[in-house]
Structure formats: structure tokens, C-alpha cells
Amino acid sequence: MEKTGKKARAAVRLLLVGAAVCLLAAGTARGEVRTVLTKAANICMECIGIG
């Protein structure tokens, strides 16, 4: 019974990692990297008080 639980957990982990990779690839293909970096820079500038 112990091995079945470990296999199920491993399968779920693999599925979640695969989904994460697919979503990262989709976001990158849509050009979301630039958007995220721009927003992050704006937030940092506001927190520091420069912008």
C-alpha cells in the first residue's frame, strides 16, 4: 500500500511540473515576460520612492 501512495504522489508532482512548464511556455510565447518585468520595475521604483 505504501508504494501505491508514493507512485500516486510522484505522478501528481510530475503532472504539476508539466502543467507549470506548459503555462510558462504559453506566457513566454505571448510576450508576458516584458509585461511582468515592466510592472515589477514600476513597483520597485514606487516602493523606493524614485518614481
N, C-alpha and C. Protein backbone atom coordinates (compact mmCIF):
# COMPACT_ATOMS: atom_id res chain seq x y z
N MET A 1 0.82 -1.19 0.00
CA MET A 1 0.00 0.00 0.00
C MET A 1 0.87 1.26 0.00
N GLU A 2 1.99 1.18 0.65
CA GLU A 2 2.90 2.32 0.75
C GLU A 2 3.44 2.72 -0.63
N LYS A 3 3.76 1.73 -1.47
CA LYS A 3 4.31 2.02 -2.78
C LYS A 3 3.28 2.69 -3.68
N THR A 4 2.01 2.31 -3.54
CA THR A 4 0.96 2.91 -4.35
C THR A 4 0.83 4.39 -4.04
N GLY A 5 0.92 4.76 -2.76
CA GLY A 5 0.83 6.16 -2.36
C GLY A 5 2.00 6.97 -2.89
N LYS A 6 3.18 6.39 -2.85
CA LYS A 6 4.37 7.09 -3.35
C LYS A 6 4.29 7.28 -4.86
N LYS A 7 3.79 6.27 -5.56
CA LYS A 7 3.64 6.39 -7.01
C LYS A 7 2.61 7.44 -7.38
N ALA A 8 1.53 7.50 -6.61
CA ALA A 8 0.48 8.49 -6.88
C ALA A 8 1.02 9.89 -6.64
N ARG A 9 1.77 10.07 -5.57
CA ARG A 9 2.35 11.39 -5.29
C ARG A 9 3.34 11.80 -6.37
N ALA A 10 4.14 10.86 -6.80
CA ALA A 10 5.11 11.14 -7.86
C ALA A 10 4.39 11.53 -9.15
N ALA A 11 3.30 10.85 -9.44
CA ALA A 11 2.53 11.16 -10.65
C ALA A 11 1.91 12.55 -10.57
N VAL A 12 1.41 12.91 -9.41
CA VAL A 12 0.81 14.23 -9.23
C VAL A 12 1.89 15.30 -9.36
N ARG A 13 3.04 15.07 -8.77
CA ARG A 13 4.14 16.03 -8.88
C ARG A 13 4.56 16.22 -10.33
N LEU A 14 4.68 15.13 -11.04
CA LEU A 14 5.07 15.19 -12.44
C LEU A 14 4.02 15.94 -13.26
N LEU A 15 2.77 15.70 -12.98
CA LEU A 15 1.69 16.39 -13.68
C LEU A 15 1.73 17.89 -13.40
N LEU A 16 1.96 18.27 -12.15
CA LEU A 16 2.01 19.69 -11.79
C LEU A 16 3.22 20.38 -12.41
N VAL A 17 4.35 19.71 -12.43
CA VAL A 17 5.54 20.28 -13.06
C VAL A 17 5.30 20.45 -14.57
N GLY A 18 4.69 19.46 -15.18
CA GLY A 18 4.38 19.56 -16.61
C GLY A 18 3.43 20.70 -16.91
N ALA A 19 2.42 20.88 -16.06
CA ALA A 19 1.47 21.98 -16.24
C ALA A 19 2.18 23.32 -16.07
N ALA A 20 3.06 23.42 -15.09
CA ALA A 20 3.80 24.66 -14.86
C ALA A 20 4.68 25.00 -16.05
N VAL A 21 5.34 24.02 -16.60
CA VAL A 21 6.21 24.25 -17.77
C VAL A 21 5.37 24.71 -18.97
N CYS A 22 4.23 24.09 -19.16
CA CYS A 22 3.34 24.48 -20.27
C CYS A 22 2.85 25.91 -20.10
N LEU A 23 2.47 26.29 -18.89
CA LEU A 23 1.99 27.64 -18.65
C LEU A 23 3.10 28.68 -18.79
N LEU A 24 4.30 28.34 -18.36
CA LEU A 24 5.44 29.24 -18.54
C LEU A 24 5.73 29.44 -20.02
N ALA A 25 5.68 28.36 -20.78
CA ALA A 25 5.92 28.46 -22.23
C ALA A 25 4.84 29.29 -22.91
N ALA A 26 3.59 29.12 -22.50
CA ALA A 26 2.50 29.88 -23.09
C ALA A 26 2.64 31.37 -22.78
N GLY A 27 3.00 31.70 -21.55
CA GLY A 27 3.19 33.10 -21.18
C GLY A 27 4.35 33.73 -21.92
N THR A 28 5.42 32.97 -22.07
CA THR A 28 6.58 33.47 -22.81
C THR A 28 6.23 33.70 -24.28
N ALA A 29 5.48 32.80 -24.86
CA ALA A 29 5.10 32.93 -26.26
C ALA A 29 4.19 34.14 -26.50
N ARG A 30 3.42 34.50 -25.49
CA ARG A 30 2.51 35.65 -25.61
C ARG A 30 3.21 36.98 -25.32
N GLY A 31 4.46 36.93 -24.90
CA GLY A 31 5.19 38.17 -24.62
C GLY A 31 4.93 38.72 -23.24
N GLU A 32 4.49 37.89 -22.33
CA GLU A 32 4.17 38.34 -20.98
C GLU A 32 5.41 38.64 -20.14
N VAL A 33 6.56 38.17 -20.58
CA VAL A 33 7.79 38.40 -19.81
C VAL A 33 8.06 39.89 -19.70
N ARG A 34 7.96 40.58 -20.80
CA ARG A 34 8.19 42.04 -20.80
C ARG A 34 7.19 42.75 -19.90
N THR A 35 5.94 42.34 -19.95
CA THR A 35 4.91 42.96 -19.13
C THR A 35 5.20 42.77 -17.64
N VAL A 36 5.57 41.58 -17.27
CA VAL A 36 5.85 41.29 -15.86
C VAL A 36 7.06 42.08 -15.39
N LEU A 37 8.12 42.12 -16.18
CA LEU A 37 9.31 42.86 -15.79
C LEU A 37 9.04 44.36 -15.70
N THR A 38 8.24 44.89 -16.59
CA THR A 38 7.88 46.30 -16.55
C THR A 38 7.10 46.63 -15.28
N LYS A 39 6.13 45.80 -14.96
CA LYS A 39 5.34 46.03 -13.75
C LYS A 39 6.19 45.89 -12.50
N ALA A 40 7.10 44.92 -12.50
CA ALA A 40 7.98 44.73 -11.34
C ALA A 40 8.88 45.94 -11.15
N ALA A 41 9.42 46.47 -12.23
CA ALA A 41 10.28 47.65 -12.13
C ALA A 41 9.49 48.85 -11.62
N ASN A 42 8.27 49.03 -12.09
CA ASN A 42 7.45 50.15 -11.63
C ASN A 42 7.13 50.04 -10.16
N ILE A 43 6.81 48.84 -9.71
CA ILE A 43 6.52 48.65 -8.29
C ILE A 43 7.76 48.93 -7.45
N CYS A 44 8.91 48.47 -7.89
CA CYS A 44 10.14 48.72 -7.14
C CYS A 44 10.45 50.21 -7.08
N MET A 45 10.26 50.91 -8.17
CA MET A 45 10.51 52.34 -8.19
C MET A 45 9.58 53.08 -7.25
N GLU A 46 8.31 52.64 -7.18
CA GLU A 46 7.35 53.27 -6.28
C GLU A 46 7.68 52.99 -4.82
N CYS A 47 8.13 51.78 -4.53
CA CYS A 47 8.46 51.43 -3.14
C CYS A 47 9.69 52.20 -2.66
N ILE A 48 10.67 52.35 -3.53
CA ILE A 48 11.88 53.06 -3.17
C ILE A 48 11.62 54.56 -3.12
N GLY A 49 10.67 55.01 -3.89
CA GLY A 49 10.33 56.42 -3.89
C GLY A 49 10.97 57.20 -5.01
N ILE A 50 11.52 56.52 -5.99
CA ILE A 50 12.19 57.19 -7.11
C ILE A 50 11.15 57.64 -8.13
N GLY A 51 10.14 56.82 -8.36
CA GLY A 51 9.19 57.09 -9.43
C GLY A 51 8.01 57.73 -8.95
